Amino acid sequence: MKLIFTEYAFILIFLIVSTLLSFILFFLSYLLTPQKADQEKISAYECGFNPFDDARATFDIRFYLVAILFLIFDLEISFLFPWCLVLKDIGSFGFWSMIIFLIVLTLGFIYEWYKGALEWE
């Protein structure tokens, strides 16, 4: 039991130190920065509508399209990291299956670009 504790003790120490450091940095930034709200701080930021309007107001569908694009490419990156790590071991089948996956994603991106989903007026 002592052997297992010594192996995981470094991880526990790392988690404790990182948690303490993040709390210290958060509270220092809270104490050292001015905390006055002005019109510019409470205005809409990259959302396209006023933050204090009715919650049932309609807004543009392009926000959903950009969010879906972000999720697609975020998932693509999460698949690419492990693939890059085991690229030497997976052989040609693993290589070409990922290439097909990337081609399908690229074609979807080109289609959205062609349809004008990325253009703002």
C-alpha atoms as a PDB file:
ATOM      1  CA  MET A   1       0.000   0.000   0.000  1.00  0.00           C
ATOM      2  CA  LYS A   2       2.872   2.347   0.748  1.00  0.00           C
ATOM      3  CA  LEU A   3       4.289   1.803  -2.746  1.00  0.00           C
ATOM      4  CA  ILE A   4       1.017   2.857  -4.381  1.00  0.00           C
ATOM      5  CA  PHE A   5       0.801   5.975  -2.224  1.00  0.00           C
ATOM      6  CA  THR A   6       4.338   7.044  -3.118  1.00  0.00           C
ATOM      7  CA  GLU A   7       3.583   6.662  -6.824  1.00  0.00           C
ATOM      8  CA  TYR A   8       0.451   8.813  -6.633  1.00  0.00           C
ATOM      9  CA  ALA A   9       1.791  11.288  -4.087  1.00  0.00           C
ATOM     10  CA  PHE A  10       3.388  13.405  -6.800  1.00  0.00           C
ATOM     11  CA  ILE A  11       0.071  13.692  -8.636  1.00  0.00           C
ATOM     12  CA  LEU A  12      -1.693  14.661  -5.415  1.00  0.00           C
ATOM     13  CA  ILE A  13       0.957  17.279  -4.632  1.00  0.00           C
ATOM     14  CA  PHE A  14       0.690  18.633  -8.173  1.00  0.00           C
ATOM     15  CA  LEU A  15      -3.102  18.921  -7.904  1.00  0.00           C
ATOM     16  CA  ILE A  16      -2.895  20.667  -4.531  1.00  0.00           C
ATOM     17  CA  VAL A  17      -0.244  23.138  -5.699  1.00  0.00           C
ATOM     18  CA  SER A  18      -2.060  23.893  -8.964  1.00  0.00           C
ATOM     19  CA  THR A  19      -5.374  24.412  -7.142  1.00  0.00           C
ATOM     20  CA  LEU A  20      -3.785  26.745  -4.617  1.00  0.00           C
ATOM     21  CA  LEU A  21      -1.974  28.659  -7.335  1.00  0.00           C
ATOM     22  CA  SER A  22      -5.159  29.118  -9.362  1.00  0.00           C
ATOM     23  CA  PHE A  23      -7.081  30.377  -6.337  1.00  0.00           C
ATOM     24  CA  ILE A  24      -4.271  32.780  -5.472  1.00  0.00           C
ATOM     25  CA  LEU A  25      -4.107  34.121  -9.031  1.00  0.00           C
ATOM     26  CA  PHE A  26      -7.882  34.469  -9.214  1.00  0.00           C
ATOM     27  CA  PHE A  27      -8.120  36.429  -5.976  1.00  0.00           C
ATOM     28  CA  LEU A  28      -5.116  38.598  -6.841  1.00  0.00           C
ATOM     29  CA  SER A  29      -6.652  39.507 -10.186  1.00  0.00           C
ATOM     30  CA  TYR A  30      -9.952  40.250  -8.447  1.00  0.00           C
ATOM     31  CA  LEU A  31      -8.277  42.488  -5.867  1.00  0.00           C
ATOM     32  CA  LEU A  32      -5.912  44.338  -8.209  1.00  0.00           C
ATOM     33  CA  THR A  33      -8.264  45.192 -11.069  1.00  0.00           C
ATOM     34  CA  PRO A  34     -10.899  47.935 -10.939  1.00  0.00           C
ATOM     35  CA  GLN A  35     -14.418  46.568 -10.541  1.00  0.00           C
ATOM     36  CA  LYS A  36     -16.641  49.256 -12.031  1.00  0.00           C
ATOM     37  CA  ALA A  37     -19.171  48.293 -14.659  1.00  0.00           C
ATOM     38  CA  ASP A  38     -19.630  50.736 -17.506  1.00  0.00           C
ATOM     39  CA  GLN A  39     -21.709  50.602 -20.675  1.00  0.00           C
ATOM     40  CA  GLU A  40     -18.901  49.054 -22.697  1.00  0.00           C
ATOM     41  CA  LYS A  41     -18.439  46.152 -20.278  1.00  0.00           C
ATOM     42  CA  ILE A  42     -22.094  45.210 -20.179  1.00  0.00           C
ATOM     43  CA  SER A  43     -22.679  45.589 -23.921  1.00  0.00           C
ATOM     44  CA  ALA A  44     -23.056  42.627 -26.265  1.00  0.00           C
ATOM     45  CA  TYR A  45     -19.814  40.882 -27.078  1.00  0.00           C
ATOM     46  CA  GLU A  46     -19.715  38.571 -30.110  1.00  0.00           C
ATOM     47  CA  CYS A  47     -23.244  37.425 -29.530  1.00  0.00           C
ATOM     48  CA  GLY A  48     -25.189  39.621 -31.919  1.00  0.00           C
ATOM     49  CA  PHE A  49     -27.956  40.747 -29.592  1.00  0.00           C
ATOM     50  CA  ASN A  50     -28.366  42.826 -26.481  1.00  0.00           C
ATOM     51  CA  PRO A  51     -27.611  40.848 -23.306  1.00  0.00           C
ATOM     52  CA  PHE A  52     -30.559  42.304 -21.384  1.00  0.00           C
ATOM     53  CA  ASP A  53     -33.323  41.785 -23.930  1.00  0.00           C
ATOM     54  CA  ASP A  54     -36.112  39.246 -23.930  1.00  0.00           C
ATOM     55  CA  ALA A  55     -34.809  35.666 -23.794  1.00  0.00           C
ATOM     56  CA  ARG A  56     -37.329  34.559 -26.409  1.00  0.00           C
ATOM     57  CA  ALA A  57     -36.063  36.962 -29.075  1.00  0.00           C
ATOM     58  CA  THR A  58     -35.097  35.443 -32.398  1.00  0.00           C
ATOM     59  CA  PHE A  59     -31.538  35.597 -33.610  1.00  0.00           C
ATOM     60  CA  ASP A  60     -29.650  34.567 -36.695  1.00  0.00           C
ATOM     61  CA  ILE A  61     -29.171  30.894 -37.523  1.00  0.00           C
ATOM     62  CA  ARG A  62     -25.534  31.555 -38.451  1.00  0.00           C
ATOM     63  CA  PHE A  63     -24.618  31.497 -34.766  1.00  0.00           C
ATOM     64  CA  TYR A  64     -25.648  27.848 -34.701  1.00  0.00           C
ATOM     65  CA  LEU A  65     -23.696  27.127 -37.867  1.00  0.00           C
ATOM     66  CA  VAL A  66     -20.524  28.666 -36.462  1.00  0.00           C
ATOM     67  CA  ALA A  67     -21.010  26.737 -33.209  1.00  0.00           C
ATOM     68  CA  ILE A  68     -21.432  23.489 -35.124  1.00  0.00           C
ATOM     69  CA  LEU A  69     -18.308  24.254 -37.156  1.00  0.00           C
ATOM     70  CA  PHE A  70     -16.403  24.882 -33.949  1.00  0.00           C
ATOM     71  CA  LEU A  71     -17.561  21.570 -32.495  1.00  0.00           C
ATOM     72  CA  ILE A  72     -16.683  19.683 -35.667  1.00  0.00           C
ATOM     73  CA  PHE A  73     -13.159  21.031 -35.800  1.00  0.00           C
ATOM     74  CA  ASP A  74     -12.725  20.663 -32.056  1.00  0.00           C
ATOM     75  CA  LEU A  75     -13.632  16.981 -32.359  1.00  0.00           C
ATOM     76  CA  GLU A  76     -11.353  16.674 -35.350  1.00  0.00           C
ATOM     77  CA  ILE A  77      -8.422  17.878 -33.254  1.00  0.00           C
ATOM     78  CA  SER A  78      -9.337  15.478 -30.457  1.00  0.00           C
ATOM     79  CA  PHE A  79      -9.166  12.621 -32.982  1.00  0.00           C
ATOM     80  CA  LEU A  80      -5.938  13.865 -34.559  1.00  0.00           C
ATOM     81  CA  PHE A  81      -3.839  13.952 -31.372  1.00  0.00           C
ATOM     82  CA  PRO A  82      -4.097  10.233 -30.554  1.00  0.00           C
ATOM     83  CA  TRP A  83      -3.776   9.380 -34.230  1.00  0.00           C
ATOM     84  CA  CYS A  84      -0.495  11.293 -34.430  1.00  0.00           C
ATOM     85  CA  LEU A  85       0.829   9.523 -31.356  1.00  0.00           C
ATOM     86  CA  VAL A  86       0.243   6.019 -32.709  1.00  0.00           C
ATOM     87  CA  LEU A  87       0.842   6.739 -36.392  1.00  0.00           C
ATOM     88  CA  LYS A  88       3.867   4.424 -36.561  1.00  0.00           C
ATOM     89  CA  ASP A  89       1.942   1.521 -35.046  1.00  0.00           C
ATOM     90  CA  ILE A  90      -1.408   1.605 -36.849  1.00  0.00           C
ATOM     91  CA  GLY A  91      -0.205   0.848 -40.349  1.00  0.00           C
ATOM     92  CA  SER A  92      -1.665   1.894 -43.649  1.00  0.00           C
ATOM     93  CA  PHE A  93      -5.291   1.066 -42.761  1.00  0.00           C
ATOM     94  CA  GLY A  94      -5.258   3.500 -39.835  1.00  0.00           C
ATOM     95  CA  PHE A  95      -3.511   6.110 -41.944  1.00  0.00           C
ATOM     96  CA  TRP A  96      -5.926   5.940 -44.854  1.00  0.00           C
ATOM     97  CA  SER A  97      -9.022   5.765 -42.664  1.00  0.00           C
ATOM     98  CA  MET A  98      -7.979   9.032 -40.995  1.00  0.00           C
ATOM     99  CA  ILE A  99      -7.232  10.588 -44.390  1.00  0.00           C
ATOM    100  CA  ILE A 100     -10.764   9.657 -45.529  1.00  0.00           C
ATOM    101  CA  PHE A 101     -12.142  11.165 -42.302  1.00  0.00           C
ATOM    102  CA  LEU A 102     -10.224  14.397 -42.957  1.00  0.00           C
ATOM    103  CA  ILE A 103     -11.380  14.502 -46.587  1.00  0.00           C
ATOM    104  CA  VAL A 104     -15.035  14.159 -45.516  1.00  0.00           C
ATOM    105  CA  LEU A 105     -14.615  16.969 -42.982  1.00  0.00           C
ATOM    106  CA  THR A 106     -12.870  19.157 -45.551  1.00  0.00           C
ATOM    107  CA  LEU A 107     -15.643  18.571 -48.090  1.00  0.00           C
ATOM    108  CA  GLY A 108     -18.238  19.523 -45.471  1.00  0.00           C
ATOM    109  CA  PHE A 109     -16.308  22.690 -44.683  1.00  0.00           C
ATOM    110  CA  ILE A 110     -16.041  23.594 -48.374  1.00  0.00           C
ATOM    111  CA  TYR A 111     -19.782  22.985 -48.795  1.00  0.00           C
ATOM    112  CA  GLU A 112     -20.607  25.297 -45.888  1.00  0.00           C
ATOM    113  CA  TRP A 113     -18.223  27.898 -47.237  1.00  0.00           C
ATOM    114  CA  TYR A 114     -19.808  27.608 -50.696  1.00  0.00           C
ATOM    115  CA  LYS A 115     -23.313  27.994 -49.240  1.00  0.00           C
ATOM    116  CA  GLY A 116     -22.259  31.195 -47.483  1.00  0.00           C
ATOM    117  CA  ALA A 117     -22.622  30.015 -43.898  1.00  0.00           C
ATOM    118  CA  LEU A 118     -19.383  31.766 -42.921  1.00  0.00           C
ATOM    119  CA  GLU A 119     -20.178  35.161 -44.431  1.00  0.00           C
ATOM    120  CA  TRP A 120     -21.523  37.908 -42.186  1.00  0.00           C
ATOM    121  CA  GLU A 121     -23.438  40.911 -43.455  1.00  0.00           C
END
